[in-house]
Protein backbone atom coordinates (compact mmCIF):
# COMPACT_ATOMS: atom_id res chain seq x y z
CA MET A 1 242.96 143.28 213.48
CA ALA A 2 240.55 144.02 216.32
CA SER A 3 237.05 145.05 215.39
CA ASP A 4 235.71 148.52 216.05
CA ALA A 5 232.94 149.02 218.65
CA HIS A 6 231.16 151.40 216.26
CA PHE A 7 231.00 148.66 213.62
CA ALA A 8 229.60 146.19 216.17
CA ASP A 9 226.95 148.75 217.17
CA TYR A 10 226.03 149.26 213.50
CA VAL A 11 225.65 145.51 212.97
CA LEU A 12 223.36 145.22 216.01
CA GLU A 13 221.32 148.17 214.74
CA GLN A 14 220.93 146.46 211.35
CA MET A 15 219.78 143.25 213.11
CA HIS A 16 217.20 145.06 215.24
CA GLY A 17 213.97 143.08 215.19
CA ALA A 18 215.56 139.65 214.84
CA GLY A 19 215.12 138.83 218.52
CA SER A 20 216.87 139.58 221.79
CA LEU A 21 220.30 140.77 220.63
CA GLU A 22 223.56 141.46 222.41
CA SER A 23 227.22 141.53 221.59
CA ARG A 24 230.11 140.41 223.77
CA LYS A 25 233.67 141.45 223.21
CA MET A 26 236.04 138.50 223.01
CA PHE A 27 239.74 138.69 222.19
CA GLY A 28 239.32 142.07 220.44
CA GLU A 29 236.44 140.76 218.34
CA TYR A 30 232.71 140.33 219.01
CA ALA A 31 230.27 137.45 219.37
CA ILE A 32 226.68 138.30 218.42
CA TYR A 33 223.93 136.58 220.39
CA CYS A 34 220.30 136.31 219.33
CA ASN A 35 217.94 134.81 221.89
CA GLN A 36 220.98 133.70 223.92
CA LYS A 37 222.51 131.77 220.99
CA VAL A 38 225.73 132.74 219.25
CA VAL A 39 224.61 133.41 215.69
CA ALA A 40 227.49 135.45 214.34
CA LEU A 41 230.99 136.78 214.90
CA ILE A 42 232.49 140.13 214.01
CA CYS A 43 236.13 139.72 213.13
CA GLY A 44 238.28 142.33 211.43
CA ASN A 45 235.20 144.55 211.03
CA GLN A 46 233.45 141.89 208.97
CA LEU A 47 230.27 139.99 209.83
CA PHE A 48 230.35 136.19 209.78
CA VAL A 49 227.03 134.38 210.35
CA LYS A 50 226.95 130.72 211.37
CA ILE A 51 225.93 128.32 208.63
CA THR A 52 222.79 126.25 209.19
CA ALA A 53 220.84 124.14 206.69
CA GLN A 54 217.91 126.55 206.88
CA GLY A 55 220.22 129.54 206.52
CA GLN A 56 221.84 127.96 203.46
CA VAL A 57 218.44 127.63 201.75
CA PHE A 58 217.70 131.30 202.50
CA VAL A 59 221.14 132.49 201.33
CA ASP A 60 220.90 130.47 198.11
CA LYS A 61 217.86 132.59 197.15
CA ALA A 62 219.72 135.89 197.64
CA LEU A 63 220.14 138.19 194.66
CA GLU A 64 223.77 138.81 195.57
CA PRO A 65 226.04 135.82 196.18
CA VAL A 66 227.13 135.25 199.78
CA LEU A 67 230.71 134.14 200.25
CA LEU A 68 231.86 131.47 202.66
CA ALA A 69 234.94 132.24 204.71
CA PRO A 70 236.37 131.44 208.15
CA PRO A 71 236.16 134.32 210.64
CA TYR A 72 239.66 133.51 211.91
CA PRO A 73 242.37 130.96 211.01
CA SER A 74 241.39 127.32 211.68
CA ALA A 75 237.69 128.22 212.15
CA LYS A 76 234.84 126.62 210.23
CA ASN A 77 233.47 128.57 207.30
CA SER A 78 230.66 131.02 207.93
CA PHE A 79 228.54 133.23 205.71
CA LEU A 80 230.59 136.38 205.09
CA ILE A 81 228.00 139.15 204.93
CA GLN A 82 229.19 142.04 202.79
CA ASP A 83 226.76 143.98 200.57
CA GLN A 84 223.76 142.45 202.35
CA LEU A 85 224.79 144.14 205.61
CA ASP A 86 222.98 147.28 204.45
CA ASP A 87 219.79 145.31 203.67
CA ARG A 88 218.22 145.29 207.12
CA THR A 89 215.17 143.21 206.12
CA TRP A 90 217.32 140.48 204.57
CA LEU A 91 219.78 140.42 207.46
CA VAL A 92 217.03 140.25 210.11
CA GLN A 93 215.50 137.26 208.30
CA LEU A 94 218.86 135.47 208.12
CA ILE A 95 219.55 136.06 211.82
CA ARG A 96 216.05 134.83 212.81
CA ILE A 97 216.44 131.72 210.66
CA THR A 98 219.89 131.04 212.10
CA ALA A 99 218.81 131.54 215.72
CA ASP A 100 215.77 129.30 215.24
CA ALA A 101 217.93 126.54 213.73
CA LEU A 102 220.59 126.54 216.45
CA PRO A 103 220.15 124.46 219.60
CA VAL A 104 219.55 126.09 222.96
CA PRO A 105 222.86 126.38 224.81
CA LYS A 106 223.39 123.91 227.62
CA PRO A 107 223.17 125.43 231.09
CA LYS A 108 226.52 126.02 232.72
CA GLN A 109 227.40 123.73 235.60
CA PRO A 110 227.92 125.54 238.90
CA LYS A 111 231.52 125.65 240.02
CA ALA A 112 232.40 123.26 242.81
CA LYS A 113 232.93 124.93 246.16
CA LYS A 114 236.43 124.75 247.58
CA MET A 115 236.69 123.32 251.03
């Protein structure tokens, strides 16, 4: 099921303050970038945040349990954010922690010119 643009906009609004945010539509779903790093996916109108060691420590302290689930078949597990989606402060902290823990993406190689 493709995700709704309104849901993606709501998620970005909830993450406001975590850093430089943007979403990119991919295959009917969305990738969420924070500071140019993919930190989360929106699939089937659900938010899946990448798991990092630092993020796991933060999530383990949450009052509500956070489930692990793959965003799509054959994907690695991610944090499935449900009730915490409405807790802007908590979500912003998780996204900051996740973005800080992820490596900077490698620069793309320029395409070779055809002769």
